PDB file of N, CA and C in Angstrom:
ATOM      1  N   MET A   1      31.089 -16.177  -5.783  1.00  0.00           N
ATOM      2  CA  MET A   1      30.421 -16.584  -4.245  1.00  0.00           C
ATOM      3  C   MET A   1      29.725 -16.036  -3.919  1.00  0.00           C
ATOM      4  N   ALA A   2      28.737 -16.785  -3.417  1.00  0.00           N
ATOM      5  CA  ALA A   2      27.550 -16.924  -2.575  1.00  0.00           C
ATOM      6  C   ALA A   2      27.960 -16.867  -1.363  1.00  0.00           C
ATOM      7  N   PHE A   3      27.388 -15.396  -0.464  1.00  0.00           N
ATOM      8  CA  PHE A   3      26.800 -15.184   0.447  1.00  0.00           C
ATOM      9  C   PHE A   3      26.740 -16.025   1.568  1.00  0.00           C
ATOM     10  N   LYS A   4      26.393 -16.765   2.642  1.00  0.00           N
ATOM     11  CA  LYS A   4      26.183 -17.563   3.333  1.00  0.00           C
ATOM     12  C   LYS A   4      24.212 -17.481   3.068  1.00  0.00           C
ATOM     13  N   PHE A   5      23.740 -16.107   3.315  1.00  0.00           N
ATOM     14  CA  PHE A   5      22.604 -16.232   3.562  1.00  0.00           C
ATOM     15  C   PHE A   5      21.427 -16.417   2.157  1.00  0.00           C
ATOM     16  N   GLU A   6      22.166 -16.072   0.808  1.00  0.00           N
ATOM     17  CA  GLU A   6      21.511 -17.099  -0.167  1.00  0.00           C
ATOM     18  C   GLU A   6      21.431 -18.234  -0.049  1.00  0.00           C
ATOM     19  N   ASN A   7      22.179 -18.663   0.902  1.00  0.00           N
ATOM     20  CA  ASN A   7      21.187 -20.501   1.110  1.00  0.00           C
ATOM     21  C   ASN A   7      20.331 -20.958   1.875  1.00  0.00           C
ATOM     22  N   LEU A   8      20.319 -19.659   2.454  1.00  0.00           N
ATOM     23  CA  LEU A   8      19.347 -19.840   3.500  1.00  0.00           C
ATOM     24  C   LEU A   8      17.614 -19.926   3.315  1.00  0.00           C
ATOM     25  N   ARG A   9      17.065 -20.816   3.448  1.00  0.00           N
ATOM     26  CA  ARG A   9      15.772 -20.956   2.820  1.00  0.00           C
ATOM     27  C   ARG A   9      14.671 -19.995   3.933  1.00  0.00           C
ATOM     28  N   VAL A  10      14.866 -18.980   4.294  1.00  0.00           N
ATOM     29  CA  VAL A  10      13.855 -18.381   5.341  1.00  0.00           C
ATOM     30  C   VAL A  10      14.006 -17.101   4.566  1.00  0.00           C
ATOM     31  N   TRP A  11      15.403 -16.638   3.943  1.00  0.00           N
ATOM     32  CA  TRP A  11      16.421 -16.205   3.440  1.00  0.00           C
ATOM     33  C   TRP A  11      14.840 -15.602   1.958  1.00  0.00           C
ATOM     34  N   GLU A  12      14.986 -17.110   1.175  1.00  0.00           N
ATOM     35  CA  GLU A  12      14.040 -17.069   0.159  1.00  0.00           C
ATOM     36  C   GLU A  12      12.960 -16.752   0.721  1.00  0.00           C
ATOM     37  N   MET A  13      12.249 -16.890   1.871  1.00  0.00           N
ATOM     38  CA  MET A  13      10.909 -16.420   2.343  1.00  0.00           C
ATOM     39  C   MET A  13      10.877 -15.741   2.234  1.00  0.00           C
ATOM     40  N   ALA A  14      11.648 -14.849   3.354  1.00  0.00           N
ATOM     41  CA  ALA A  14      11.477 -13.540   3.381  1.00  0.00           C
ATOM     42  C   ALA A  14      11.379 -12.636   1.905  1.00  0.00           C
ATOM     43  N   LEU A  15      12.249 -12.961   0.560  1.00  0.00           N
ATOM     44  CA  LEU A  15      12.538 -11.834  -0.541  1.00  0.00           C
ATOM     45  C   LEU A  15      11.299 -12.083  -0.919  1.00  0.00           C
ATOM     46  N   ASP A  16      10.462 -13.552  -0.836  1.00  0.00           N
ATOM     47  CA  ASP A  16       9.236 -13.617  -1.431  1.00  0.00           C
ATOM     48  C   ASP A  16       8.180 -12.916  -0.592  1.00  0.00           C
ATOM     49  N   TYR A  17       8.013 -12.823   0.533  1.00  0.00           N
ATOM     50  CA  TYR A  17       7.406 -12.602   1.042  1.00  0.00           C
ATOM     51  C   TYR A  17       6.778 -10.740   1.191  1.00  0.00           C
ATOM     52  N   SER A  18       8.716 -10.092   0.890  1.00  0.00           N
ATOM     53  CA  SER A  18       8.567  -9.029   0.547  1.00  0.00           C
ATOM     54  C   SER A  18       7.821  -8.680  -1.278  1.00  0.00           C
ATOM     55  N   LEU A  19       8.118  -9.795  -1.434  1.00  0.00           N
ATOM     56  CA  LEU A  19       7.039  -9.565  -3.583  1.00  0.00           C
ATOM     57  C   LEU A  19       5.574  -9.423  -3.207  1.00  0.00           C
ATOM     58  N   GLU A  20       4.989 -10.269  -2.329  1.00  0.00           N
ATOM     59  CA  GLU A  20       3.863 -10.538  -2.077  1.00  0.00           C
ATOM     60  C   GLU A  20       3.194  -9.344  -0.846  1.00  0.00           C
ATOM     61  N   ILE A  21       4.453  -8.521  -0.390  1.00  0.00           N
ATOM     62  CA  ILE A  21       3.491  -7.542  -0.294  1.00  0.00           C
ATOM     63  C   ILE A  21       3.572  -5.908  -1.116  1.00  0.00           C
ATOM     64  N   ASN A  22       4.654  -6.305  -2.398  1.00  0.00           N
ATOM     65  CA  ASN A  22       4.386  -5.270  -2.622  1.00  0.00           C
ATOM     66  C   ASN A  22       2.887  -5.258  -3.474  1.00  0.00           C
ATOM     67  N   LYS A  23       2.874  -6.820  -4.302  1.00  0.00           N
ATOM     68  CA  LYS A  23       1.667  -6.649  -4.616  1.00  0.00           C
ATOM     69  C   LYS A  23      -0.037  -5.986  -4.409  1.00  0.00           C
ATOM     70  N   LEU A  24       0.141  -6.573  -2.946  1.00  0.00           N
ATOM     71  CA  LEU A  24      -0.925  -5.922  -1.911  1.00  0.00           C
ATOM     72  C   LEU A  24      -0.744  -4.951  -1.714  1.00  0.00           C
ATOM     73  N   ILE A  25       0.418  -3.803  -1.912  1.00  0.00           N
ATOM     74  CA  ILE A  25       0.622  -2.467  -2.026  1.00  0.00           C
ATOM     75  C   ILE A  25      -0.485  -1.964  -2.748  1.00  0.00           C
ATOM     76  N   LYS A  26      -0.186  -2.867  -4.281  1.00  0.00           N
ATOM     77  CA  LYS A  26      -0.518  -1.851  -5.337  1.00  0.00           C
ATOM     78  C   LYS A  26      -1.956  -2.065  -4.999  1.00  0.00           C
ATOM     79  N   LYS A  27      -2.388  -2.284  -4.482  1.00  0.00           N
ATOM     80  CA  LYS A  27      -4.185  -2.236  -4.122  1.00  0.00           C
ATOM     81  C   LYS A  27      -4.480  -2.325  -3.073  1.00  0.00           C
ATOM     82  N   PHE A  28      -3.810  -1.276  -2.663  1.00  0.00           N
ATOM     83  CA  PHE A  28      -4.191  -0.588  -1.920  1.00  0.00           C
ATOM     84  C   PHE A  28      -4.844   0.876  -2.104  1.00  0.00           C
ATOM     85  N   PRO A  29      -5.817   1.653  -1.273  1.00  0.00           N
ATOM     86  CA  PRO A  29      -6.544   2.993  -1.843  1.00  0.00           C
ATOM     87  C   PRO A  29      -5.506   4.457  -2.520  1.00  0.00           C
ATOM     88  N   THR A  30      -4.981   5.038  -2.538  1.00  0.00           N
ATOM     89  CA  THR A  30      -4.513   5.739  -3.159  1.00  0.00           C
ATOM     90  C   THR A  30      -4.584   6.668  -2.131  1.00  0.00           C
ATOM     91  N   ASP A  31      -5.154   6.693  -0.737  1.00  0.00           N
ATOM     92  CA  ASP A  31      -4.099   7.543   0.206  1.00  0.00           C
ATOM     93  C   ASP A  31      -3.612   6.962   0.870  1.00  0.00           C
ATOM     94  N   GLU A  32      -4.074   5.210   0.985  1.00  0.00           N
ATOM     95  CA  GLU A  32      -3.631   4.592   1.882  1.00  0.00           C
ATOM     96  C   GLU A  32      -1.235   4.587   0.706  1.00  0.00           C
ATOM     97  N   LYS A  33      -1.358   4.981  -0.025  1.00  0.00           N
ATOM     98  CA  LYS A  33      -0.498   4.548  -0.432  1.00  0.00           C
ATOM     99  C   LYS A  33       0.670   5.150   0.096  1.00  0.00           C
ATOM    100  N   TYR A  34       0.821   6.071   0.451  1.00  0.00           N
ATOM    101  CA  TYR A  34       1.916   7.089   0.623  1.00  0.00           C
ATOM    102  C   TYR A  34       2.338   6.934   2.215  1.00  0.00           C
ATOM    103  N   VAL A  35       1.631   6.577   3.282  1.00  0.00           N
ATOM    104  CA  VAL A  35       2.289   6.534   4.387  1.00  0.00           C
ATOM    105  C   VAL A  35       2.256   4.999   5.187  1.00  0.00           C
ATOM    106  N   LEU A  36       0.877   4.551   4.968  1.00  0.00           N
ATOM    107  CA  LEU A  36       0.882   3.003   6.032  1.00  0.00           C
ATOM    108  C   LEU A  36       1.992   1.688   4.567  1.00  0.00           C
ATOM    109  N   ALA A  37       1.675   2.058   3.298  1.00  0.00           N
ATOM    110  CA  ALA A  37       2.255   1.642   2.145  1.00  0.00           C
ATOM    111  C   ALA A  37       3.535   1.400   2.456  1.00  0.00           C
ATOM    112  N   GLN A  38       4.571   2.620   2.449  1.00  0.00           N
ATOM    113  CA  GLN A  38       5.972   3.104   2.149  1.00  0.00           C
ATOM    114  C   GLN A  38       6.417   1.715   4.168  1.00  0.00           C
ATOM    115  N   GLN A  39       5.469   2.070   5.423  1.00  0.00           N
ATOM    116  CA  GLN A  39       5.741   1.073   6.090  1.00  0.00           C
ATOM    117  C   GLN A  39       5.782  -0.246   6.613  1.00  0.00           C
ATOM    118  N   LEU A  40       5.095  -0.543   5.415  1.00  0.00           N
ATOM    119  CA  LEU A  40       4.584  -2.229   5.200  1.00  0.00           C
ATOM    120  C   LEU A  40       5.516  -2.651   4.469  1.00  0.00           C
ATOM    121  N   GLN A  41       6.132  -1.813   2.885  1.00  0.00           N
ATOM    122  CA  GLN A  41       7.120  -2.356   2.238  1.00  0.00           C
ATOM    123  C   GLN A  41       8.875  -2.454   3.313  1.00  0.00           C
ATOM    124  N   ARG A  42       8.882  -0.998   3.726  1.00  0.00           N
ATOM    125  CA  ARG A  42      10.244  -0.893   4.866  1.00  0.00           C
ATOM    126  C   ARG A  42       9.846  -1.821   5.320  1.00  0.00           C
ATOM    127  N   ALA A  43       9.263  -2.467   5.857  1.00  0.00           N
ATOM    128  CA  ALA A  43       9.183  -3.755   6.694  1.00  0.00           C
ATOM    129  C   ALA A  43       9.467  -5.535   6.947  1.00  0.00           C
ATOM    130  N   ALA A  44       8.456  -5.197   5.516  1.00  0.00           N
ATOM    131  CA  ALA A  44       9.011  -6.214   4.823  1.00  0.00           C
ATOM    132  C   ALA A  44      10.163  -6.960   4.700  1.00  0.00           C
ATOM    133  N   ASP A  45      11.354  -5.590   3.565  1.00  0.00           N
ATOM    134  CA  ASP A  45      12.547  -5.553   3.273  1.00  0.00           C
ATOM    135  C   ASP A  45      13.292  -5.548   4.600  1.00  0.00           C
ATOM    136  N   SER A  46      12.927  -5.593   5.243  1.00  0.00           N
ATOM    137  CA  SER A  46      13.802  -5.097   6.499  1.00  0.00           C
ATOM    138  C   SER A  46      14.197  -6.944   6.895  1.00  0.00           C
ATOM    139  N   ILE A  47      13.189  -7.770   6.869  1.00  0.00           N
ATOM    140  CA  ILE A  47      13.246  -9.126   7.452  1.00  0.00           C
ATOM    141  C   ILE A  47      14.421  -9.592   6.215  1.00  0.00           C
ATOM    142  N   ALA A  48      14.368  -8.890   5.037  1.00  0.00           N
ATOM    143  CA  ALA A  48      15.635 -10.440   3.920  1.00  0.00           C
ATOM    144  C   ALA A  48      16.948  -9.506   4.998  1.00  0.00           C
ATOM    145  N   LEU A  49      17.211  -8.529   5.073  1.00  0.00           N
ATOM    146  CA  LEU A  49      17.811  -7.540   5.616  1.00  0.00           C
ATOM    147  C   LEU A  49      18.326  -7.572   6.429  1.00  0.00           C
ATOM    148  N   ASN A  50      17.796  -7.855   7.401  1.00  0.00           N
ATOM    149  CA  ASN A  50      18.801  -8.105   8.660  1.00  0.00           C
ATOM    150  C   ASN A  50      18.887  -9.812   8.382  1.00  0.00           C
ATOM    151  N   ILE A  51      18.308 -11.049   7.845  1.00  0.00           N
ATOM    152  CA  ILE A  51      18.565 -11.817   7.829  1.00  0.00           C
ATOM    153  C   ILE A  51      20.379 -11.867   7.242  1.00  0.00           C
ATOM    154  N   ALA A  52      20.382 -10.912   7.099  1.00  0.00           N
ATOM    155  CA  ALA A  52      21.360 -10.840   5.566  1.00  0.00           C
ATOM    156  C   ALA A  52      22.879  -9.973   6.800  1.00  0.00           C
ATOM    157  N   GLU A  53      21.879  -9.809   7.284  1.00  0.00           N
ATOM    158  CA  GLU A  53      22.989  -9.100   8.459  1.00  0.00           C
ATOM    159  C   GLU A  53      23.348  -9.706   9.577  1.00  0.00           C
ATOM    160  N   GLY A  54      22.522 -10.316  10.117  1.00  0.00           N
ATOM    161  CA  GLY A  54      22.839 -11.448  10.253  1.00  0.00           C
ATOM    162  C   GLY A  54      23.792 -12.381  10.659  1.00  0.00           C
ATOM    163  N   SER A  55      24.070 -12.812   9.160  1.00  0.00           N
ATOM    164  CA  SER A  55      24.724 -13.698   8.728  1.00  0.00           C
ATOM    165  C   SER A  55      25.962 -13.842   8.386  1.00  0.00           C
ATOM    166  N   THR A  56      26.253 -12.305   9.349  1.00  0.00           N
ATOM    167  CA  THR A  56      27.674 -11.544   8.275  1.00  0.00           C
ATOM    168  C   THR A  56      28.875 -12.407   9.489  1.00  0.00           C
ATOM    169  N   GLY A  57      28.607 -12.017  11.141  1.00  0.00           N
ATOM    170  CA  GLY A  57      28.288 -12.130  11.947  1.00  0.00           C
ATOM    171  C   GLY A  57      28.956 -13.798  12.531  1.00  0.00           C
TER     172      GLY A  57
END
């Protein structure tokens, strides 16, 4: 059984965006990987998570 949000194109796009952010972060200089990279990754992941959470109500 699929969740409602799994059928949303915007949720799929949010997952793709998160993957693109992962690729970008790998190119960051070492000194930026631990603060800025983590913040960017959490922000990108939260898009898909917020869509999923919002669809349950």
